[in-house]
Protein backbone atom coordinates (compact mmCIF):
# COMPACT_ATOMS: atom_id res chain seq x y z
CA MET A 1 61.40 -35.97 -6.72
CA ALA A 2 60.73 -36.10 -10.24
CA VAL A 3 61.73 -39.44 -10.16
CA ALA A 4 58.77 -40.02 -8.07
CA PHE A 5 56.48 -38.62 -9.95
CA ALA A 6 57.52 -40.38 -13.01
CA PHE A 7 57.32 -43.82 -11.13
CA ILE A 8 53.66 -42.99 -9.99
CA GLY A 9 52.99 -41.58 -13.77
CA ALA A 10 53.88 -45.14 -14.60
CA CYS A 11 52.42 -47.26 -12.45
CA ALA A 12 48.51 -45.59 -13.01
CA LYS A 13 49.12 -45.18 -17.30
CA LYS A 14 49.83 -49.32 -16.30
CA LYS A 15 46.20 -50.06 -14.11
CA GLU A 16 44.23 -48.00 -16.83
CA GLN A 17 45.92 -50.05 -19.30
CA ALA A 18 44.88 -53.57 -17.63
CA ALA A 19 41.48 -51.87 -16.56
CA CYS A 20 38.53 -54.42 -18.92
CA ALA A 21 36.10 -53.09 -17.46
CA ASP A 22 34.66 -50.07 -16.16
CA ALA A 23 33.45 -50.08 -12.71
CA SER A 24 29.56 -48.34 -13.53
CA ASP A 25 28.81 -50.72 -15.86
CA LEU A 26 29.44 -54.05 -13.59
CA ASN A 27 25.40 -55.16 -12.61
CA ASP A 28 24.98 -55.76 -8.71
CA ALA A 29 26.02 -59.07 -8.82
CA GLN A 30 29.46 -59.24 -10.62
CA GLU A 31 30.22 -55.86 -8.12
CA SER A 32 29.36 -58.85 -5.04
CA SER A 33 30.86 -61.49 -6.61
CA SER A 34 34.09 -59.41 -6.75
CA ALA A 35 34.72 -57.97 -3.61
CA SER A 36 33.29 -61.27 -2.51
CA LEU A 37 36.07 -63.47 -4.17
CA HIS A 38 38.76 -60.46 -4.17
CA TYR A 39 38.90 -60.14 -7.91
CA THR A 40 42.69 -57.91 -8.70
CA ASP A 41 43.15 -56.39 -12.03
CA HIS A 42 46.96 -57.90 -10.73
CA SER A 43 47.96 -60.77 -9.18
CA ILE A 44 49.89 -60.56 -5.92
CA GLU A 45 50.17 -64.72 -6.55
CA PRO A 46 53.11 -66.03 -8.25
CA GLY A 47 52.20 -67.47 -10.87
CA LYS A 48 48.63 -67.05 -10.01
CA SER A 49 47.05 -64.98 -12.84
CA CYS A 50 43.70 -65.34 -14.68
CA GLY A 51 45.52 -65.90 -17.65
CA ALA A 52 46.30 -69.66 -16.44
CA CYS A 53 43.09 -69.94 -14.68
CA THR A 54 40.77 -73.10 -15.55
CA TYR A 55 37.91 -70.28 -15.39
CA PHE A 56 39.59 -68.08 -17.87
CA LEU A 57 38.20 -67.14 -21.53
CA ALA A 58 40.33 -65.38 -24.19
CA SER A 59 39.20 -62.37 -25.44
CA ALA A 60 38.97 -61.34 -29.23
CA ASP A 61 39.37 -57.93 -28.46
CA GLY A 62 43.59 -58.55 -28.00
CA PRO A 63 45.78 -60.52 -25.67
CA ALA A 64 45.59 -58.51 -22.07
CA CYS A 65 42.13 -59.18 -21.07
CA GLY A 66 39.20 -61.95 -21.39
CA ARG A 67 35.95 -63.52 -19.18
CA CYS A 68 36.05 -64.94 -16.47
CA GLU A 69 33.22 -67.83 -16.55
CA ILE A 70 33.30 -67.71 -12.84
CA LEU A 71 32.76 -63.17 -12.11
CA ASN A 72 30.57 -63.03 -15.37
CA ARG A 73 32.55 -59.93 -16.60
CA PRO A 74 35.54 -59.01 -18.41
CA VAL A 75 39.18 -59.33 -16.19
CA SER A 76 42.72 -58.96 -16.98
CA THR A 77 44.39 -61.32 -17.49
CA SER A 78 47.53 -60.33 -14.98
CA GLY A 79 43.89 -60.35 -13.25
CA TYR A 80 43.22 -62.25 -9.55
CA CYS A 81 40.48 -64.04 -7.65
CA THR A 82 40.31 -66.63 -4.74
CA SER A 83 38.34 -68.70 -7.07
CA TRP A 84 41.25 -69.35 -8.85
CA SER A 85 42.28 -72.94 -10.15
CA ARG A 86 44.84 -73.77 -12.75
CA LYS A 87 44.13 -74.65 -16.55
CA ALA A 88 44.80 -78.36 -17.16
């Protein structure tokens, strides 16, 4: 039982670290485009993550976050959306 709680706690901490934008700080257009393009902070597509996407702009604040030109919002380097396009 303790192992389950430790695992859940680790997952929650990892998710918290990857959050590059507070959902309450997003405007309606950002929320809408994020939903319609199925943005998530953690890619489920092997080899496809925001950090490897053409539309990703790295942040000077740190390696875990950046900005998406399509979503017009902060995103996680490990995130993904359906507009993903491999960097040239």
